[in-house]
Amino acid sequence: MLIIQGLLIAFFMFASSVKVFGWVKAIFEPQLAFFHRYGLNRAAMRMVGVIEATGAGLLLFGMLTTASLYTQLGAALIALTSVGAMFFHFRFDTWKDAIPSILTLVLSLALLLSQFGQ
């Protein structure tokens, strides 16, 4: 599960930094276009990035301290943002656009469920 946790941390630290800081224009601009298509603005995109960064930070803290509560909270936040992303992609885009959020949902739920046995 450490590999899954590490992948989620890396993915969401990167993805959230793009949403918050807009530093990779080739990724930022299409994502901002998605948010505009959904009727959301730049502030909403930044807030999603902050939530994603919080989830990834909790996962990282949980990994470094082996405190399962932080891992559970981080995985739950990542799962919730993945469900939100899936909702908007299925409603406004094609199912192909939802594939990354489906994958992150499955991984975050697997991580979350694995924590309840500890």
PDB file of N, CA and C in Angstrom:
ATOM      1  N   MET A   1       0.805  -1.205   0.000  1.00  0.00           N
ATOM      2  CA  MET A   1       0.000   0.000   0.000  1.00  0.00           C
ATOM      3  C   MET A   1       0.847   1.268   0.000  1.00  0.00           C
ATOM      4  N   LEU A   2       2.106   1.151   0.429  1.00  0.00           N
ATOM      5  CA  LEU A   2       2.984   2.325   0.426  1.00  0.00           C
ATOM      6  C   LEU A   2       3.213   2.847  -0.987  1.00  0.00           C
ATOM      7  N   ILE A   3       3.238   1.942  -1.964  1.00  0.00           N
ATOM      8  CA  ILE A   3       3.424   2.367  -3.353  1.00  0.00           C
ATOM      9  C   ILE A   3       2.208   3.169  -3.816  1.00  0.00           C
ATOM     10  N   ILE A   4       1.022   2.676  -3.521  1.00  0.00           N
ATOM     11  CA  ILE A   4      -0.209   3.394  -3.885  1.00  0.00           C
ATOM     12  C   ILE A   4      -0.243   4.750  -3.189  1.00  0.00           C
ATOM     13  N   GLN A   5       0.092   4.757  -1.910  1.00  0.00           N
ATOM     14  CA  GLN A   5       0.092   6.006  -1.163  1.00  0.00           C
ATOM     15  C   GLN A   5       1.092   6.993  -1.778  1.00  0.00           C
ATOM     16  N   GLY A   6       2.277   6.503  -2.114  1.00  0.00           N
ATOM     17  CA  GLY A   6       3.290   7.359  -2.733  1.00  0.00           C
ATOM     18  C   GLY A   6       2.845   7.901  -4.084  1.00  0.00           C
ATOM     19  N   LEU A   7       2.189   7.064  -4.884  1.00  0.00           N
ATOM     20  CA  LEU A   7       1.685   7.515  -6.187  1.00  0.00           C
ATOM     21  C   LEU A   7       0.620   8.594  -6.023  1.00  0.00           C
ATOM     22  N   LEU A   8      -0.287   8.390  -5.080  1.00  0.00           N
ATOM     23  CA  LEU A   8      -1.337   9.392  -4.841  1.00  0.00           C
ATOM     24  C   LEU A   8      -0.737  10.707  -4.348  1.00  0.00           C
ATOM     25  N   ILE A   9       0.251  10.612  -3.467  1.00  0.00           N
ATOM     26  CA  ILE A   9       0.912  11.821  -2.960  1.00  0.00           C
ATOM     27  C   ILE A   9       1.555  12.583  -4.117  1.00  0.00           C
ATOM     28  N   ALA A  10       2.351  11.880  -4.926  1.00  0.00           N
ATOM     29  CA  ALA A  10       3.047  12.539  -6.034  1.00  0.00           C
ATOM     30  C   ALA A  10       2.063  13.148  -7.031  1.00  0.00           C
ATOM     31  N   PHE A  11       1.046  12.384  -7.402  1.00  0.00           N
ATOM     32  CA  PHE A  11       0.077  12.871  -8.387  1.00  0.00           C
ATOM     33  C   PHE A  11      -0.655  14.106  -7.882  1.00  0.00           C
ATOM     34  N   PHE A  12      -1.149  14.042  -6.644  1.00  0.00           N
ATOM     35  CA  PHE A  12      -1.963  15.155  -6.159  1.00  0.00           C
ATOM     36  C   PHE A  12      -1.147  16.355  -5.701  1.00  0.00           C
ATOM     37  N   MET A  13       0.100  16.157  -5.310  1.00  0.00           N
ATOM     38  CA  MET A  13       0.959  17.320  -5.043  1.00  0.00           C
ATOM     39  C   MET A  13       1.195  18.084  -6.348  1.00  0.00           C
ATOM     40  N   PHE A  14       1.460  17.333  -7.412  1.00  0.00           N
ATOM     41  CA  PHE A  14       1.668  17.977  -8.711  1.00  0.00           C
ATOM     42  C   PHE A  14       0.377  18.616  -9.225  1.00  0.00           C
ATOM     43  N   ALA A  15      -0.700  17.835  -9.247  1.00  0.00           N
ATOM     44  CA  ALA A  15      -1.964  18.339  -9.793  1.00  0.00           C
ATOM     45  C   ALA A  15      -2.465  19.548  -9.018  1.00  0.00           C
ATOM     46  N   SER A  16      -2.340  19.504  -7.695  1.00  0.00           N
ATOM     47  CA  SER A  16      -2.818  20.631  -6.888  1.00  0.00           C
ATOM     48  C   SER A  16      -1.957  21.867  -7.101  1.00  0.00           C
ATOM     49  N   SER A  17      -0.651  21.673  -7.280  1.00  0.00           N
ATOM     50  CA  SER A  17       0.214  22.837  -7.495  1.00  0.00           C
ATOM     51  C   SER A  17      -0.115  23.528  -8.811  1.00  0.00           C
ATOM     52  N   VAL A  18      -0.485  22.752  -9.820  1.00  0.00           N
ATOM     53  CA  VAL A  18      -0.885  23.354 -11.095  1.00  0.00           C
ATOM     54  C   VAL A  18      -2.169  24.159 -10.911  1.00  0.00           C
ATOM     55  N   LYS A  19      -3.128  23.613 -10.165  1.00  0.00           N
ATOM     56  CA  LYS A  19      -4.393  24.318  -9.948  1.00  0.00           C
ATOM     57  C   LYS A  19      -4.210  25.582  -9.101  1.00  0.00           C
ATOM     58  N   VAL A  20      -3.357  25.511  -8.106  1.00  0.00           N
ATOM     59  CA  VAL A  20      -3.168  26.653  -7.211  1.00  0.00           C
ATOM     60  C   VAL A  20      -2.289  27.728  -7.845  1.00  0.00           C
ATOM     61  N   PHE A  21      -1.159  27.323  -8.433  1.00  0.00           N
ATOM     62  CA  PHE A  21      -0.180  28.295  -8.919  1.00  0.00           C
ATOM     63  C   PHE A  21      -0.214  28.518 -10.422  1.00  0.00           C
ATOM     64  N   GLY A  22      -0.833  27.608 -11.169  1.00  0.00           N
ATOM     65  CA  GLY A  22      -0.913  27.755 -12.621  1.00  0.00           C
ATOM     66  C   GLY A  22       0.441  27.728 -13.300  1.00  0.00           C
ATOM     67  N   TRP A  23       1.358  26.928 -12.799  1.00  0.00           N
ATOM     68  CA  TRP A  23       2.748  27.009 -13.242  1.00  0.00           C
ATOM     69  C   TRP A  23       3.094  26.155 -14.448  1.00  0.00           C
ATOM     70  N   VAL A  24       2.293  25.206 -14.831  1.00  0.00           N
ATOM     71  CA  VAL A  24       2.547  24.439 -16.062  1.00  0.00           C
ATOM     72  C   VAL A  24       1.422  24.788 -17.036  1.00  0.00           C
ATOM     73  N   LYS A  25       1.693  25.773 -17.878  1.00  0.00           N
ATOM     74  CA  LYS A  25       0.642  26.330 -18.746  1.00  0.00           C
ATOM     75  C   LYS A  25      -0.009  25.275 -19.638  1.00  0.00           C
ATOM     76  N   ALA A  26       0.759  24.303 -20.107  1.00  0.00           N
ATOM     77  CA  ALA A  26       0.211  23.276 -20.994  1.00  0.00           C
ATOM     78  C   ALA A  26      -0.833  22.409 -20.287  1.00  0.00           C
ATOM     79  N   ILE A  27      -0.764  22.331 -18.973  1.00  0.00           N
ATOM     80  CA  ILE A  27      -1.754  21.582 -18.186  1.00  0.00           C
ATOM     81  C   ILE A  27      -2.789  22.529 -17.590  1.00  0.00           C
ATOM     82  N   PHE A  28      -2.322  23.676 -17.111  1.00  0.00           N
ATOM     83  CA  PHE A  28      -3.200  24.630 -16.446  1.00  0.00           C
ATOM     84  C   PHE A  28      -4.309  25.143 -17.354  1.00  0.00           C
ATOM     85  N   GLU A  29      -3.967  25.553 -18.553  1.00  0.00           N
ATOM     86  CA  GLU A  29      -4.962  26.167 -19.435  1.00  0.00           C
ATOM     87  C   GLU A  29      -6.101  25.215 -19.820  1.00  0.00           C
ATOM     88  N   PRO A  30      -5.812  23.943 -20.194  1.00  0.00           N
ATOM     89  CA  PRO A  30      -6.930  23.025 -20.461  1.00  0.00           C
ATOM     90  C   PRO A  30      -7.773  22.751 -19.207  1.00  0.00           C
ATOM     91  N   GLN A  31      -7.129  22.661 -18.039  1.00  0.00           N
ATOM     92  CA  GLN A  31      -7.892  22.439 -16.812  1.00  0.00           C
ATOM     93  C   GLN A  31      -8.786  23.633 -16.494  1.00  0.00           C
ATOM     94  N   LEU A  32      -8.257  24.836 -16.689  1.00  0.00           N
ATOM     95  CA  LEU A  32      -9.075  26.033 -16.461  1.00  0.00           C
ATOM     96  C   LEU A  32     -10.250  26.067 -17.438  1.00  0.00           C
ATOM     97  N   ALA A  33     -10.025  25.616 -18.667  1.00  0.00           N
ATOM     98  CA  ALA A  33     -11.112  25.538 -19.652  1.00  0.00           C
ATOM     99  C   ALA A  33     -12.183  24.555 -19.186  1.00  0.00           C
ATOM    100  N   PHE A  34     -11.771  23.418 -18.596  1.00  0.00           N
ATOM    101  CA  PHE A  34     -12.740  22.482 -18.019  1.00  0.00           C
ATOM    102  C   PHE A  34     -13.580  23.188 -16.962  1.00  0.00           C
ATOM    103  N   PHE A  35     -12.930  23.866 -16.039  1.00  0.00           N
ATOM    104  CA  PHE A  35     -13.652  24.537 -14.958  1.00  0.00           C
ATOM    105  C   PHE A  35     -14.621  25.578 -15.511  1.00  0.00           C
ATOM    106  N   HIS A  36     -14.205  26.339 -16.518  1.00  0.00           N
ATOM    107  CA  HIS A  36     -15.104  27.324 -17.120  1.00  0.00           C
ATOM    108  C   HIS A  36     -16.305  26.647 -17.779  1.00  0.00           C
ATOM    109  N   ARG A  37     -16.061  25.510 -18.438  1.00  0.00           N
ATOM    110  CA  ARG A  37     -17.156  24.763 -19.065  1.00  0.00           C
ATOM    111  C   ARG A  37     -18.157  24.290 -18.013  1.00  0.00           C
ATOM    112  N   TYR A  38     -17.669  24.020 -16.802  1.00  0.00           N
ATOM    113  CA  TYR A  38     -18.534  23.560 -15.717  1.00  0.00           C
ATOM    114  C   TYR A  38     -19.242  24.710 -15.012  1.00  0.00           C
ATOM    115  N   GLY A  39     -18.973  25.950 -15.448  1.00  0.00           N
ATOM    116  CA  GLY A  39     -19.579  27.101 -14.802  1.00  0.00           C
ATOM    117  C   GLY A  39     -18.829  27.534 -13.550  1.00  0.00           C
ATOM    118  N   LEU A  40     -17.575  27.072 -13.409  1.00  0.00           N
ATOM    119  CA  LEU A  40     -16.765  27.410 -12.236  1.00  0.00           C
ATOM    120  C   LEU A  40     -15.653  28.367 -12.653  1.00  0.00           C
ATOM    121  N   ASN A  41     -15.183  29.153 -11.703  1.00  0.00           N
ATOM    122  CA  ASN A  41     -14.165  30.143 -12.018  1.00  0.00           C
ATOM    123  C   ASN A  41     -12.794  29.733 -11.482  1.00  0.00           C
ATOM    124  N   ARG A  42     -11.845  30.625 -11.631  1.00  0.00           N
ATOM    125  CA  ARG A  42     -10.465  30.372 -11.195  1.00  0.00           C
ATOM    126  C   ARG A  42     -10.390  30.149  -9.680  1.00  0.00           C
ATOM    127  N   ALA A  43     -11.207  30.869  -8.923  1.00  0.00           N
ATOM    128  CA  ALA A  43     -11.205  30.698  -7.461  1.00  0.00           C
ATOM    129  C   ALA A  43     -11.642  29.284  -7.083  1.00  0.00           C
ATOM    130  N   ALA A  44     -12.627  28.737  -7.779  1.00  0.00           N
ATOM    131  CA  ALA A  44     -13.069  27.361  -7.513  1.00  0.00           C
ATOM    132  C   ALA A  44     -11.959  26.376  -7.847  1.00  0.00           C
ATOM    133  N   MET A  45     -11.256  26.642  -8.932  1.00  0.00           N
ATOM    134  CA  MET A  45     -10.145  25.769  -9.314  1.00  0.00           C
ATOM    135  C   MET A  45      -9.048  25.806  -8.246  1.00  0.00           C
ATOM    136  N   ARG A  46      -8.762  26.999  -7.756  1.00  0.00           N
ATOM    137  CA  ARG A  46      -7.748  27.136  -6.704  1.00  0.00           C
ATOM    138  C   ARG A  46      -8.178  26.390  -5.443  1.00  0.00           C
ATOM    139  N   MET A  47      -9.454  26.475  -5.085  1.00  0.00           N
ATOM    140  CA  MET A  47      -9.959  25.787  -3.893  1.00  0.00           C
ATOM    141  C   MET A  47      -9.856  24.273  -4.042  1.00  0.00           C
ATOM    142  N   VAL A  48     -10.171  23.760  -5.216  1.00  0.00           N
ATOM    143  CA  VAL A  48     -10.008  22.319  -5.468  1.00  0.00           C
ATOM    144  C   VAL A  48      -8.540  21.936  -5.297  1.00  0.00           C
ATOM    145  N   GLY A  49      -7.641  22.770  -5.788  1.00  0.00           N
ATOM    146  CA  GLY A  49      -6.215  22.518  -5.628  1.00  0.00           C
ATOM    147  C   GLY A  49      -5.791  22.496  -4.170  1.00  0.00           C
ATOM    148  N   VAL A  50      -6.347  23.403  -3.369  1.00  0.00           N
ATOM    149  CA  VAL A  50      -6.025  23.431  -1.933  1.00  0.00           C
ATOM    150  C   VAL A  50      -6.533  22.159  -1.252  1.00  0.00           C
ATOM    151  N   ILE A  51      -7.723  21.716  -1.615  1.00  0.00           N
ATOM    152  CA  ILE A  51      -8.277  20.480  -1.033  1.00  0.00           C
ATOM    153  C   ILE A  51      -7.415  19.283  -1.435  1.00  0.00           C
ATOM    154  N   GLU A  52      -7.019  19.229  -2.706  1.00  0.00           N
ATOM    155  CA  GLU A  52      -6.155  18.137  -3.166  1.00  0.00           C
ATOM    156  C   GLU A  52      -4.813  18.160  -2.440  1.00  0.00           C
ATOM    157  N   ALA A  53      -4.232  19.342  -2.270  1.00  0.00           N
ATOM    158  CA  ALA A  53      -2.945  19.456  -1.572  1.00  0.00           C
ATOM    159  C   ALA A  53      -3.080  19.044  -0.113  1.00  0.00           C
ATOM    160  N   THR A  54      -4.199  19.385   0.502  1.00  0.00           N
ATOM    161  CA  THR A  54      -4.442  18.980   1.888  1.00  0.00           C
ATOM    162  C   THR A  54      -4.515  17.464   1.992  1.00  0.00           C
ATOM    163  N   GLY A  55      -5.240  16.835   1.074  1.00  0.00           N
ATOM    164  CA  GLY A  55      -5.334  15.380   1.062  1.00  0.00           C
ATOM    165  C   GLY A  55      -3.975  14.731   0.860  1.00  0.00           C
ATOM    166  N   ALA A  56      -3.201  15.246  -0.086  1.00  0.00           N
ATOM    167  CA  ALA A  56      -1.871  14.695  -0.339  1.00  0.00           C
ATOM    168  C   ALA A  56      -0.951  14.931   0.859  1.00  0.00           C
ATOM    169  N   GLY A  57      -1.060  16.096   1.487  1.00  0.00           N
ATOM    170  CA  GLY A  57      -0.254  16.391   2.668  1.00  0.00           C
ATOM    171  C   GLY A  57      -0.583  15.459   3.825  1.00  0.00           C
ATOM    172  N   LEU A  58      -1.861  15.185   4.016  1.00  0.00           N
ATOM    173  CA  LEU A  58      -2.263  14.243   5.063  1.00  0.00           C
ATOM    174  C   LEU A  58      -1.735  12.840   4.765  1.00  0.00           C
ATOM    175  N   LEU A  59      -1.786  12.440   3.495  1.00  0.00           N
ATOM    176  CA  LEU A  59      -1.231  11.138   3.121  1.00  0.00           C
ATOM    177  C   LEU A  59       0.270  11.088   3.405  1.00  0.00           C
ATOM    178  N   LEU A  60       0.968  12.160   3.073  1.00  0.00           N
ATOM    179  CA  LEU A  60       2.413  12.210   3.316  1.00  0.00           C
ATOM    180  C   LEU A  60       2.718  12.164   4.814  1.00  0.00           C
ATOM    181  N   PHE A  61       1.991  12.954   5.592  1.00  0.00           N
ATOM    182  CA  PHE A  61       2.200  12.957   7.038  1.00  0.00           C
ATOM    183  C   PHE A  61       1.898  11.577   7.624  1.00  0.00           C
ATOM    184  N   GLY A  62       0.835  10.957   7.141  1.00  0.00           N
ATOM    185  CA  GLY A  62       0.494   9.605   7.588  1.00  0.00           C
ATOM    186  C   GLY A  62       1.564   8.596   7.230  1.00  0.00           C
ATOM    187  N   MET A  63       2.172   8.770   6.070  1.00  0.00           N
ATOM    188  CA  MET A  63       3.234   7.854   5.650  1.00  0.00           C
ATOM    189  C   MET A  63       4.489   8.048   6.502  1.00  0.00           C
ATOM    190  N   LEU A  64       4.836   9.285   6.768  1.00  0.00           N
ATOM    191  CA  LEU A  64       6.060   9.574   7.518  1.00  0.00           C
ATOM    192  C   LEU A  64       5.944   9.214   8.995  1.00  0.00           C
ATOM    193  N   THR A  65       4.741   9.307   9.548  1.00  0.00           N
ATOM    194  CA  THR A  65       4.558   9.042  10.979  1.00  0.00           C
ATOM    195  C   THR A  65       3.918   7.686  11.242  1.00  0.00           C
ATOM    196  N   THR A  66       3.535   6.998  10.202  1.00  0.00           N
ATOM    197  CA  THR A  66       2.774   5.747  10.287  1.00  0.00           C
ATOM    198  C   THR A  66       1.504   5.908  11.125  1.00  0.00           C
ATOM    199  N   ALA A  67       0.931   7.100  11.112  1.00  0.00           N
ATOM    200  CA  ALA A  67      -0.328   7.372  11.808  1.00  0.00           C
ATOM    201  C   ALA A  67      -1.472   7.127  10.827  1.00  0.00           C
ATOM    202  N   SER A  68      -2.213   6.062  11.039  1.00  0.00           N
ATOM    203  CA  SER A  68      -3.236   5.673  10.069  1.00  0.00           C
ATOM    204  C   SER A  68      -4.391   6.683   9.991  1.00  0.00           C
ATOM    205  N   LEU A  69      -4.643   7.432  11.040  1.00  0.00           N
ATOM    206  CA  LEU A  69      -5.730   8.417  10.994  1.00  0.00           C
ATOM    207  C   LEU A  69      -5.471   9.455   9.905  1.00  0.00           C
ATOM    208  N   TYR A  70      -4.243   9.935   9.796  1.00  0.00           N
ATOM    209  CA  TYR A  70      -3.917  10.929   8.774  1.00  0.00           C
ATOM    210  C   TYR A  70      -4.020  10.323   7.377  1.00  0.00           C
ATOM    211  N   THR A  71      -3.590   9.093   7.245  1.00  0.00           N
ATOM    212  CA  THR A  71      -3.712   8.406   5.957  1.00  0.00           C
ATOM    213  C   THR A  71      -5.182   8.239   5.597  1.00  0.00           C
ATOM    214  N   GLN A  72      -6.001   7.864   6.564  1.00  0.00           N
ATOM    215  CA  GLN A  72      -7.436   7.700   6.316  1.00  0.00           C
ATOM    216  C   GLN A  72      -8.077   9.023   5.899  1.00  0.00           C
ATOM    217  N   LEU A  73      -7.751  10.094   6.605  1.00  0.00           N
ATOM    218  CA  LEU A  73      -8.317  11.407   6.267  1.00  0.00           C
ATOM    219  C   LEU A  73      -7.860  11.867   4.881  1.00  0.00           C
ATOM    220  N   GLY A  74      -6.580  11.677   4.590  1.00  0.00           N
ATOM    221  CA  GLY A  74      -6.061  12.060   3.280  1.00  0.00           C
ATOM    222  C   GLY A  74      -6.695  11.258   2.156  1.00  0.00           C
ATOM    223  N   ALA A  75      -6.810   9.948   2.355  1.00  0.00           N
ATOM    224  CA  ALA A  75      -7.433   9.096   1.330  1.00  0.00           C
ATOM    225  C   ALA A  75      -8.898   9.471   1.132  1.00  0.00           C
ATOM    226  N   ALA A  76      -9.582   9.807   2.221  1.00  0.00           N
ATOM    227  CA  ALA A  76     -10.992  10.213   2.111  1.00  0.00           C
ATOM    228  C   ALA A  76     -11.123  11.525   1.333  1.00  0.00           C
ATOM    229  N   LEU A  77     -10.239  12.487   1.590  1.00  0.00           N
ATOM    230  CA  LEU A  77     -10.283  13.751   0.836  1.00  0.00           C
ATOM    231  C   LEU A  77     -10.001  13.524  -0.645  1.00  0.00           C
ATOM    232  N   ILE A  78      -9.019  12.685  -0.927  1.00  0.00           N
ATOM    233  CA  ILE A  78      -8.703  12.379  -2.323  1.00  0.00           C
ATOM    234  C   ILE A  78      -9.891  11.676  -2.990  1.00  0.00           C
ATOM    235  N   ALA A  79     -10.526  10.748  -2.272  1.00  0.00           N
ATOM    236  CA  ALA A  79     -11.694  10.050  -2.819  1.00  0.00           C
ATOM    237  C   ALA A  79     -12.822  11.041  -3.114  1.00  0.00           C
ATOM    238  N   LEU A  80     -13.055  11.982  -2.201  1.00  0.00           N
ATOM    239  CA  LEU A  80     -14.123  12.962  -2.412  1.00  0.00           C
ATOM    240  C   LEU A  80     -13.838  13.864  -3.611  1.00  0.00           C
ATOM    241  N   THR A  81     -12.593  14.304  -3.753  1.00  0.00           N
ATOM    242  CA  THR A  81     -12.287  15.137  -4.917  1.00  0.00           C
ATOM    243  C   THR A  81     -12.381  14.328  -6.208  1.00  0.00           C
ATOM    244  N   SER A  82     -12.047  13.051  -6.137  1.00  0.00           N
ATOM    245  CA  SER A  82     -12.164  12.188  -7.319  1.00  0.00           C
ATOM    246  C   SER A  82     -13.622  12.008  -7.717  1.00  0.00           C
ATOM    247  N   VAL A  83     -14.498  11.831  -6.740  1.00  0.00           N
ATOM    248  CA  VAL A  83     -15.936  11.712  -7.030  1.00  0.00           C
ATOM    249  C   VAL A  83     -16.456  13.015  -7.645  1.00  0.00           C
ATOM    250  N   GLY A  84     -16.027  14.136  -7.098  1.00  0.00           N
ATOM    251  CA  GLY A  84     -16.432  15.430  -7.666  1.00  0.00           C
ATOM    252  C   GLY A  84     -15.961  15.588  -9.098  1.00  0.00           C
ATOM    253  N   ALA A  85     -14.720  15.218  -9.352  1.00  0.00           N
ATOM    254  CA  ALA A  85     -14.193  15.306 -10.713  1.00  0.00           C
ATOM    255  C   ALA A  85     -14.975  14.394 -11.654  1.00  0.00           C
ATOM    256  N   MET A  86     -15.279  13.183 -11.191  1.00  0.00           N
ATOM    257  CA  MET A  86     -16.052  12.255 -12.021  1.00  0.00           C
ATOM    258  C   MET A  86     -17.428  12.825 -12.344  1.00  0.00           C
ATOM    259  N   PHE A  87     -18.068  13.418 -11.362  1.00  0.00           N
ATOM    260  CA  PHE A  87     -19.392  14.010 -11.586  1.00  0.00           C
ATOM    261  C   PHE A  87     -19.338  15.027 -12.721  1.00  0.00           C
ATOM    262  N   PHE A  88     -18.388  15.956 -12.652  1.00  0.00           N
ATOM    263  CA  PHE A  88     -18.320  16.995 -13.675  1.00  0.00           C
ATOM    264  C   PHE A  88     -17.879  16.440 -15.028  1.00  0.00           C
ATOM    265  N   HIS A  89     -16.955  15.499 -15.034  1.00  0.00           N
ATOM    266  CA  HIS A  89     -16.532  14.924 -16.312  1.00  0.00           C
ATOM    267  C   HIS A  89     -17.659  14.145 -16.973  1.00  0.00           C
ATOM    268  N   PHE A  90     -18.391  13.343 -16.208  1.00  0.00           N
ATOM    269  CA  PHE A  90     -19.499  12.588 -16.795  1.00  0.00           C
ATOM    270  C   PHE A  90     -20.629  13.508 -17.251  1.00  0.00           C
ATOM    271  N   ARG A  91     -20.822  14.599 -16.546  1.00  0.00           N
ATOM    272  CA  ARG A  91     -21.919  15.504 -16.900  1.00  0.00           C
ATOM    273  C   ARG A  91     -21.597  16.385 -18.109  1.00  0.00           C
ATOM    274  N   PHE A  92     -20.342  16.868 -18.197  1.00  0.00           N
ATOM    275  CA  PHE A  92     -20.010  17.864 -19.220  1.00  0.00           C
ATOM    276  C   PHE A  92     -19.025  17.377 -20.282  1.00  0.00           C
ATOM    277  N   ASP A  93     -18.341  16.273 -20.044  1.00  0.00           N
ATOM    278  CA  ASP A  93     -17.291  15.822 -20.951  1.00  0.00           C
ATOM    279  C   ASP A  93     -17.585  14.394 -21.398  1.00  0.00           C
ATOM    280  N   THR A  94     -16.555  13.724 -21.838  1.00  0.00           N
ATOM    281  CA  THR A  94     -16.697  12.320 -22.224  1.00  0.00           C
ATOM    282  C   THR A  94     -16.186  11.441 -21.085  1.00  0.00           C
ATOM    283  N   TRP A  95     -16.525  10.171 -21.113  1.00  0.00           N
ATOM    284  CA  TRP A  95     -16.082   9.254 -20.067  1.00  0.00           C
ATOM    285  C   TRP A  95     -14.563   9.134 -20.070  1.00  0.00           C
ATOM    286  N   LYS A  96     -13.928   9.363 -21.217  1.00  0.00           N
ATOM    287  CA  LYS A  96     -12.469   9.288 -21.295  1.00  0.00           C
ATOM    288  C   LYS A  96     -11.808  10.351 -20.415  1.00  0.00           C
ATOM    289  N   ASP A  97     -12.450  11.502 -20.303  1.00  0.00           N
ATOM    290  CA  ASP A  97     -11.908  12.565 -19.449  1.00  0.00           C
ATOM    291  C   ASP A  97     -11.984  12.191 -17.973  1.00  0.00           C
ATOM    292  N   ALA A  98     -12.849  11.259 -17.643  1.00  0.00           N
ATOM    293  CA  ALA A  98     -13.022  10.846 -16.248  1.00  0.00           C
ATOM    294  C   ALA A  98     -12.066   9.730 -15.831  1.00  0.00           C
ATOM    295  N   ILE A  99     -11.324   9.155 -16.757  1.00  0.00           N
ATOM    296  CA  ILE A  99     -10.460   8.013 -16.428  1.00  0.00           C
ATOM    297  C   ILE A  99      -9.470   8.312 -15.301  1.00  0.00           C
ATOM    298  N   PRO A 100      -8.756   9.454 -15.312  1.00  0.00           N
ATOM    299  CA  PRO A 100      -7.839   9.713 -14.193  1.00  0.00           C
ATOM    300  C   PRO A 100      -8.558   9.777 -12.842  1.00  0.00           C
ATOM    301  N   SER A 101      -9.733  10.392 -12.801  1.00  0.00           N
ATOM    302  CA  SER A 101     -10.457  10.488 -11.532  1.00  0.00           C
ATOM    303  C   SER A 101     -11.015   9.129 -11.102  1.00  0.00           C
ATOM    304  N   ILE A 102     -11.368   8.293 -12.050  1.00  0.00           N
ATOM    305  CA  ILE A 102     -11.811   6.933 -11.706  1.00  0.00           C
ATOM    306  C   ILE A 102     -10.641   6.165 -11.084  1.00  0.00           C
ATOM    307  N   LEU A 103      -9.482   6.279 -11.696  1.00  0.00           N
ATOM    308  CA  LEU A 103      -8.298   5.596 -11.189  1.00  0.00           C
ATOM    309  C   LEU A 103      -7.918   6.090  -9.787  1.00  0.00           C
ATOM    310  N   THR A 104      -7.922   7.410  -9.593  1.00  0.00           N
ATOM    311  CA  THR A 104      -7.566   7.936  -8.267  1.00  0.00           C
ATOM    312  C   THR A 104      -8.617   7.569  -7.225  1.00  0.00           C
ATOM    313  N   LEU A 105      -9.876   7.457  -7.631  1.00  0.00           N
ATOM    314  CA  LEU A 105     -10.906   7.012  -6.694  1.00  0.00           C
ATOM    315  C   LEU A 105     -10.648   5.575  -6.266  1.00  0.00           C
ATOM    316  N   VAL A 106     -10.384   4.704  -7.221  1.00  0.00           N
ATOM    317  CA  VAL A 106     -10.126   3.291  -6.903  1.00  0.00           C
ATOM    318  C   VAL A 106      -8.909   3.163  -5.990  1.00  0.00           C
ATOM    319  N   LEU A 107      -7.842   3.871  -6.316  1.00  0.00           N
ATOM    320  CA  LEU A 107      -6.625   3.784  -5.498  1.00  0.00           C
ATOM    321  C   LEU A 107      -6.836   4.355  -4.100  1.00  0.00           C
ATOM    322  N   SER A 108      -7.525   5.485  -4.002  1.00  0.00           N
ATOM    323  CA  SER A 108      -7.740   6.083  -2.681  1.00  0.00           C
ATOM    324  C   SER A 108      -8.678   5.227  -1.833  1.00  0.00           C
ATOM    325  N   LEU A 109      -9.673   4.608  -2.455  1.00  0.00           N
ATOM    326  CA  LEU A 109     -10.561   3.723  -1.698  1.00  0.00           C
ATOM    327  C   LEU A 109      -9.831   2.456  -1.254  1.00  0.00           C
ATOM    328  N   ALA A 110      -8.958   1.919  -2.116  1.00  0.00           N
ATOM    329  CA  ALA A 110      -8.169   0.748  -1.731  1.00  0.00           C
ATOM    330  C   ALA A 110      -7.278   1.083  -0.545  1.00  0.00           C
ATOM    331  N   LEU A 111      -6.651   2.256  -0.594  1.00  0.00           N
ATOM    332  CA  LEU A 111      -5.802   2.690   0.511  1.00  0.00           C
ATOM    333  C   LEU A 111      -6.624   2.901   1.773  1.00  0.00           C
ATOM    334  N   LEU A 112      -7.754   3.545   1.640  1.00  0.00           N
ATOM    335  CA  LEU A 112      -8.622   3.810   2.789  1.00  0.00           C
ATOM    336  C   LEU A 112      -9.088   2.508   3.431  1.00  0.00           C
ATOM    337  N   LEU A 113      -9.546   1.565   2.633  1.00  0.00           N
ATOM    338  CA  LEU A 113     -10.025   0.292   3.165  1.00  0.00           C
ATOM    339  C   LEU A 113      -8.903  -0.511   3.820  1.00  0.00           C
ATOM    340  N   SER A 114      -7.692  -0.394   3.278  1.00  0.00           N
ATOM    341  CA  SER A 114      -6.566  -1.126   3.865  1.00  0.00           C
ATOM    342  C   SER A 114      -6.202  -0.593   5.245  1.00  0.00           C
ATOM    343  N   GLN A 115      -6.552   0.633   5.534  1.00  0.00           N
ATOM    344  CA  GLN A 115      -6.198   1.249   6.805  1.00  0.00           C
ATOM    345  C   GLN A 115      -7.093   0.790   7.954  1.00  0.00           C
ATOM    346  N   PHE A 116      -8.254   0.274   7.651  1.00  0.00           N
ATOM    347  CA  PHE A 116      -9.177  -0.101   8.715  1.00  0.00           C
ATOM    348  C   PHE A 116      -8.777  -1.407   9.419  1.00  0.00           C
ATOM    349  N   GLY A 117      -7.886  -2.161   8.807  1.00  0.00           N
ATOM    350  CA  GLY A 117      -7.410  -3.371   9.462  1.00  0.00           C
ATOM    351  C   GLY A 117      -6.240  -3.120  10.410  1.00  0.00           C
ATOM    352  N   GLN A 118      -5.760  -1.891  10.430  1.00  0.00           N
ATOM    353  CA  GLN A 118      -4.572  -1.582  11.241  1.00  0.00           C
ATOM    354  C   GLN A 118      -4.916  -0.982  12.574  1.00  0.00           C
TER     355      GLN A 118
END
